C-alpha atoms as a PDB file:
ATOM      1  CA  UNK A   1      21.409  18.330   1.048  1.00  0.00           C
ATOM      2  CA  UNK A   2      23.428  19.745   3.792  1.00  0.00           C
ATOM      3  CA  UNK A   3      21.086  17.606   6.351  1.00  0.00           C
ATOM      4  CA  UNK A   4      22.045  14.305   4.635  1.00  0.00           C
ATOM      5  CA  UNK A   5      26.203  15.313   4.072  1.00  0.00           C
ATOM      6  CA  UNK A   6      27.040  11.788   2.878  1.00  0.00           C
ATOM      7  CA  UNK A   7      24.264  11.640   0.486  1.00  0.00           C
ATOM      8  CA  UNK A   8      25.379  11.720  -3.338  1.00  0.00           C
ATOM      9  CA  UNK A   9      22.613  12.220  -6.084  1.00  0.00           C
ATOM     10  CA  UNK A  10      23.265  10.297  -9.191  1.00  0.00           C
ATOM     11  CA  UNK A  11      21.663  11.490 -12.356  1.00  0.00           C
ATOM     12  CA  UNK A  12      21.262   8.851 -15.257  1.00  0.00           C
ATOM     13  CA  UNK A  13      19.790   9.575 -18.626  1.00  0.00           C
ATOM     14  CA  UNK A  14      20.809  11.394 -21.876  1.00  0.00           C
ATOM     15  CA  UNK A  15      19.253  15.057 -21.300  1.00  0.00           C
ATOM     16  CA  UNK A  16      20.913  17.914 -20.722  1.00  0.00           C
ATOM     17  CA  UNK A  17      24.069  16.220 -18.954  1.00  0.00           C
ATOM     18  CA  UNK A  18      26.336  18.951 -19.277  1.00  0.00           C
ATOM     19  CA  UNK A  19      23.734  21.884 -18.712  1.00  0.00           C
ATOM     20  CA  UNK A  20      23.113  20.016 -15.247  1.00  0.00           C
ATOM     21  CA  UNK A  21      26.935  19.688 -14.701  1.00  0.00           C
ATOM     22  CA  UNK A  22      27.530  23.643 -14.690  1.00  0.00           C
ATOM     23  CA  UNK A  23      24.487  24.124 -12.598  1.00  0.00           C
ATOM     24  CA  UNK A  24      25.875  21.637  -9.937  1.00  0.00           C
ATOM     25  CA  UNK A  25      29.012  23.518  -9.828  1.00  0.00           C
ATOM     26  CA  UNK A  26      27.125  26.784 -10.050  1.00  0.00           C
ATOM     27  CA  UNK A  27      25.404  25.972  -6.808  1.00  0.00           C
ATOM     28  CA  UNK A  28      28.594  24.394  -5.083  1.00  0.00           C
ATOM     29  CA  UNK A  29      26.984  20.899  -4.975  1.00  0.00           C
ATOM     30  CA  UNK A  30      29.338  19.317  -7.912  1.00  0.00           C
ATOM     31  CA  UNK A  31      31.167  17.208  -5.119  1.00  0.00           C
ATOM     32  CA  UNK A  32      27.905  15.464  -4.197  1.00  0.00           C
ATOM     33  CA  UNK A  33      26.359  14.673  -8.089  1.00  0.00           C
ATOM     34  CA  UNK A  34      27.587  11.927 -10.194  1.00  0.00           C
ATOM     35  CA  UNK A  35      26.339  12.466 -13.974  1.00  0.00           C
ATOM     36  CA  UNK A  36      26.166   8.837 -15.932  1.00  0.00           C
ATOM     37  CA  UNK A  37      24.454   9.655 -18.949  1.00  0.00           C
ATOM     38  CA  UNK A  38      22.577   6.825 -20.594  1.00  0.00           C
ATOM     39  CA  UNK A  39      23.079   3.713 -18.339  1.00  0.00           C
ATOM     40  CA  UNK A  40      22.851   0.227 -19.149  1.00  0.00           C
ATOM     41  CA  UNK A  41      23.934  -3.324 -18.455  1.00  0.00           C
ATOM     42  CA  UNK A  42      26.355  -3.636 -15.280  1.00  0.00           C
ATOM     43  CA  UNK A  43      26.807   0.177 -14.711  1.00  0.00           C
ATOM     44  CA  UNK A  44      22.884   0.245 -14.415  1.00  0.00           C
ATOM     45  CA  UNK A  45      23.057  -2.617 -11.760  1.00  0.00           C
ATOM     46  CA  UNK A  46      25.644  -1.235  -9.782  1.00  0.00           C
ATOM     47  CA  UNK A  47      23.777   2.169  -9.574  1.00  0.00           C
ATOM     48  CA  UNK A  48      20.597   0.201  -8.403  1.00  0.00           C
ATOM     49  CA  UNK A  49      23.104  -1.582  -5.739  1.00  0.00           C
ATOM     50  CA  UNK A  50      23.926   1.682  -4.387  1.00  0.00           C
ATOM     51  CA  UNK A  51      20.470   3.721  -4.622  1.00  0.00           C
ATOM     52  CA  UNK A  52      18.385   4.063  -1.529  1.00  0.00           C
ATOM     53  CA  UNK A  53      15.709   5.939  -3.420  1.00  0.00           C
ATOM     54  CA  UNK A  54      14.853   6.225  -6.976  1.00  0.00           C
ATOM     55  CA  UNK A  55      13.444   9.533  -8.531  1.00  0.00           C
ATOM     56  CA  UNK A  56      11.878   9.862 -11.632  1.00  0.00           C
ATOM     57  CA  UNK A  57      10.279  13.489 -11.594  1.00  0.00           C
ATOM     58  CA  UNK A  58       9.071  13.074 -15.756  1.00  0.00           C
ATOM     59  CA  UNK A  59       6.955  15.220 -17.386  1.00  0.00           C
ATOM     60  CA  UNK A  60       5.600  12.679 -19.930  1.00  0.00           C
ATOM     61  CA  UNK A  61       6.315   8.967 -19.607  1.00  0.00           C
ATOM     62  CA  UNK A  62       4.427   6.003 -20.586  1.00  0.00           C
ATOM     63  CA  UNK A  63       5.455   3.182 -17.969  1.00  0.00           C
ATOM     64  CA  UNK A  64       9.157   3.261 -17.578  1.00  0.00           C
ATOM     65  CA  UNK A  65      11.017   0.298 -16.905  1.00  0.00           C
ATOM     66  CA  UNK A  66      13.444   2.250 -14.707  1.00  0.00           C
ATOM     67  CA  UNK A  67      10.510   2.664 -12.111  1.00  0.00           C
ATOM     68  CA  UNK A  68       9.926  -1.479 -12.649  1.00  0.00           C
ATOM     69  CA  UNK A  69      13.437  -2.336 -11.879  1.00  0.00           C
ATOM     70  CA  UNK A  70      13.790   0.183  -8.889  1.00  0.00           C
ATOM     71  CA  UNK A  71      10.693  -1.184  -7.631  1.00  0.00           C
ATOM     72  CA  UNK A  72      11.083  -4.875  -8.158  1.00  0.00           C
ATOM     73  CA  UNK A  73      14.633  -4.201  -6.500  1.00  0.00           C
ATOM     74  CA  UNK A  74      12.709  -3.150  -3.323  1.00  0.00           C
ATOM     75  CA  UNK A  75      13.788   0.678  -3.768  1.00  0.00           C
ATOM     76  CA  UNK A  76      11.424   3.324  -2.863  1.00  0.00           C
ATOM     77  CA  UNK A  77      10.445   5.396  -5.708  1.00  0.00           C
ATOM     78  CA  UNK A  78       9.260   9.074  -6.071  1.00  0.00           C
ATOM     79  CA  UNK A  79       7.705  10.072  -9.277  1.00  0.00           C
ATOM     80  CA  UNK A  80       5.371  11.961 -11.166  1.00  0.00           C
ATOM     81  CA  UNK A  81       1.685  10.682 -11.912  1.00  0.00           C
ATOM     82  CA  UNK A  82       2.088  10.675 -15.503  1.00  0.00           C
ATOM     83  CA  UNK A  83       1.704   7.604 -18.245  1.00  0.00           C
ATOM     84  CA  UNK A  84       1.041   4.295 -16.220  1.00  0.00           C
ATOM     85  CA  UNK A  85       2.971   5.221 -12.923  1.00  0.00           C
ATOM     86  CA  UNK A  86       0.009   5.714 -10.894  1.00  0.00           C
ATOM     87  CA  UNK A  87      -0.872   2.224 -12.039  1.00  0.00           C
ATOM     88  CA  UNK A  88       2.155   0.799 -10.279  1.00  0.00           C
ATOM     89  CA  UNK A  89       2.798   3.287  -7.605  1.00  0.00           C
ATOM     90  CA  UNK A  90       0.362   3.753  -4.527  1.00  0.00           C
ATOM     91  CA  UNK A  91       0.936   6.999  -3.567  1.00  0.00           C
ATOM     92  CA  UNK A  92       2.082   7.033   0.266  1.00  0.00           C
ATOM     93  CA  UNK A  93       2.234   2.807   0.424  1.00  0.00           C
ATOM     94  CA  UNK A  94       5.025   1.631  -2.131  1.00  0.00           C
ATOM     95  CA  UNK A  95       6.233   4.861  -3.292  1.00  0.00           C
ATOM     96  CA  UNK A  96       5.345   8.883  -3.517  1.00  0.00           C
ATOM     97  CA  UNK A  97       4.028  10.459  -6.350  1.00  0.00           C
ATOM     98  CA  UNK A  98       4.705  14.404  -6.699  1.00  0.00           C
ATOM     99  CA  UNK A  99       3.257  16.791  -8.774  1.00  0.00           C
ATOM    100  CA  UNK A 100       4.697  17.532 -12.296  1.00  0.00           C
ATOM    101  CA  UNK A 101       7.575  20.402 -11.702  1.00  0.00           C
ATOM    102  CA  UNK A 102       6.767  20.787  -8.285  1.00  0.00           C
ATOM    103  CA  UNK A 103      10.293  20.851  -6.899  1.00  0.00           C
ATOM    104  CA  UNK A 104       9.045  21.704  -3.292  1.00  0.00           C
ATOM    105  CA  UNK A 105       7.404  18.707  -3.252  1.00  0.00           C
ATOM    106  CA  UNK A 106       9.959  16.586  -4.658  1.00  0.00           C
ATOM    107  CA  UNK A 107      12.344  18.050  -1.970  1.00  0.00           C
ATOM    108  CA  UNK A 108       9.945  16.992   0.715  1.00  0.00           C
ATOM    109  CA  UNK A 109       9.542  13.574  -0.489  1.00  0.00           C
ATOM    110  CA  UNK A 110      13.154  13.011  -0.805  1.00  0.00           C
ATOM    111  CA  UNK A 111      14.037  14.351   2.652  1.00  0.00           C
ATOM    112  CA  UNK A 112      10.865  12.263   4.143  1.00  0.00           C
ATOM    113  CA  UNK A 113      12.548   8.991   2.594  1.00  0.00           C
ATOM    114  CA  UNK A 114      16.090   9.909   3.133  1.00  0.00           C
ATOM    115  CA  UNK A 115      15.439  10.751   7.119  1.00  0.00           C
ATOM    116  CA  UNK A 116      13.554   7.225   7.386  1.00  0.00           C
ATOM    117  CA  UNK A 117      15.375   4.244   6.612  1.00  0.00           C
ATOM    118  CA  UNK A 118      12.320   2.495   8.274  1.00  0.00           C
ATOM    119  CA  UNK A 119       9.876   3.766   5.788  1.00  0.00           C
ATOM    120  CA  UNK A 120      12.259   3.287   2.947  1.00  0.00           C
ATOM    121  CA  UNK A 121      12.477  -0.374   3.977  1.00  0.00           C
ATOM    122  CA  UNK A 122       8.397  -0.704   4.113  1.00  0.00           C
ATOM    123  CA  UNK A 123       7.944   1.071   1.010  1.00  0.00           C
ATOM    124  CA  UNK A 124      10.595  -1.081  -0.768  1.00  0.00           C
ATOM    125  CA  UNK A 125       8.927  -4.028   0.312  1.00  0.00           C
ATOM    126  CA  UNK A 126       5.734  -3.172  -0.642  1.00  0.00           C
ATOM    127  CA  UNK A 127       6.921  -1.890  -4.044  1.00  0.00           C
ATOM    128  CA  UNK A 128       8.846  -4.994  -4.532  1.00  0.00           C
ATOM    129  CA  UNK A 129       5.166  -6.973  -3.797  1.00  0.00           C
ATOM    130  CA  UNK A 130       3.600  -4.427  -6.117  1.00  0.00           C
ATOM    131  CA  UNK A 131       5.778  -5.889  -8.935  1.00  0.00           C
ATOM    132  CA  UNK A 132       5.754  -9.373  -8.065  1.00  0.00           C
ATOM    133  CA  UNK A 133       2.210  -9.643  -7.997  1.00  0.00           C
ATOM    134  CA  UNK A 134       1.485  -7.592 -10.880  1.00  0.00           C
ATOM    135  CA  UNK A 135       4.320  -8.550 -13.372  1.00  0.00           C
ATOM    136  CA  UNK A 136       5.249 -11.979 -12.545  1.00  0.00           C
ATOM    137  CA  UNK A 137       6.060 -14.176 -15.860  1.00  0.00           C
ATOM    138  CA  UNK A 138       3.711 -16.997 -15.041  1.00  0.00           C
ATOM    139  CA  UNK A 139       0.925 -14.375 -13.987  1.00  0.00           C
ATOM    140  CA  UNK A 140       1.182 -12.841 -17.548  1.00  0.00           C
ATOM    141  CA  UNK A 141       1.747 -16.204 -19.504  1.00  0.00           C
ATOM    142  CA  UNK A 142      -1.624 -17.397 -17.807  1.00  0.00           C
ATOM    143  CA  UNK A 143      -3.415 -14.542 -18.707  1.00  0.00           C
ATOM    144  CA  UNK A 144      -1.860 -14.301 -22.260  1.00  0.00           C
ATOM    145  CA  UNK A 145      -3.256 -18.040 -22.409  1.00  0.00           C
ATOM    146  CA  UNK A 146      -6.555 -17.255 -21.089  1.00  0.00           C
ATOM    147  CA  UNK A 147      -6.971 -14.910 -24.063  1.00  0.00           C
ATOM    148  CA  UNK A 148      -6.073 -17.039 -26.652  1.00  0.00           C
ATOM    149  CA  UNK A 149      -8.140 -20.041 -25.462  1.00  0.00           C
ATOM    150  CA  UNK A 150     -10.998 -17.450 -25.438  1.00  0.00           C
ATOM    151  CA  UNK A 151     -10.300 -16.486 -28.986  1.00  0.00           C
ATOM    152  CA  UNK A 152      -9.699 -19.931 -30.085  1.00  0.00           C
ATOM    153  CA  UNK A 153     -13.242 -21.128 -28.532  1.00  0.00           C
ATOM    154  CA  UNK A 154     -15.061 -17.978 -29.948  1.00  0.00           C
ATOM    155  CA  UNK A 155     -15.571 -16.455 -26.529  1.00  0.00           C
END
């Protein structure tokens, strides 16, 4: 983090918050970290507004709404290829996929994105396009209507 002296790492979620606060203090980086616990509503919106990169290095997920929300806002995302995440993140194109528990790969991915505002903008733009093309409400309604029409007509 010394390469990016103005960077704050913001943690959201209801995991081991106190343990991680203690670790940040032990490592001497507590002043560079924010721990918010579970985040919702206006606080979530404010944190997304401040974010340069979104990171979700999970060991297990379905298709996390937070990844979809970050991508929809044009925030480049670093995540692990678990659950449905690889269906929305095309590694190196609209986000970055890192192996589970590979902290070195996580550090490299974050450094790479933090070094280049151009790369963040490009990946963020492609991330937003992916969400708009795959999760647009009109597209989804059309698909659901097609399924019902086929069911009613016996196809």
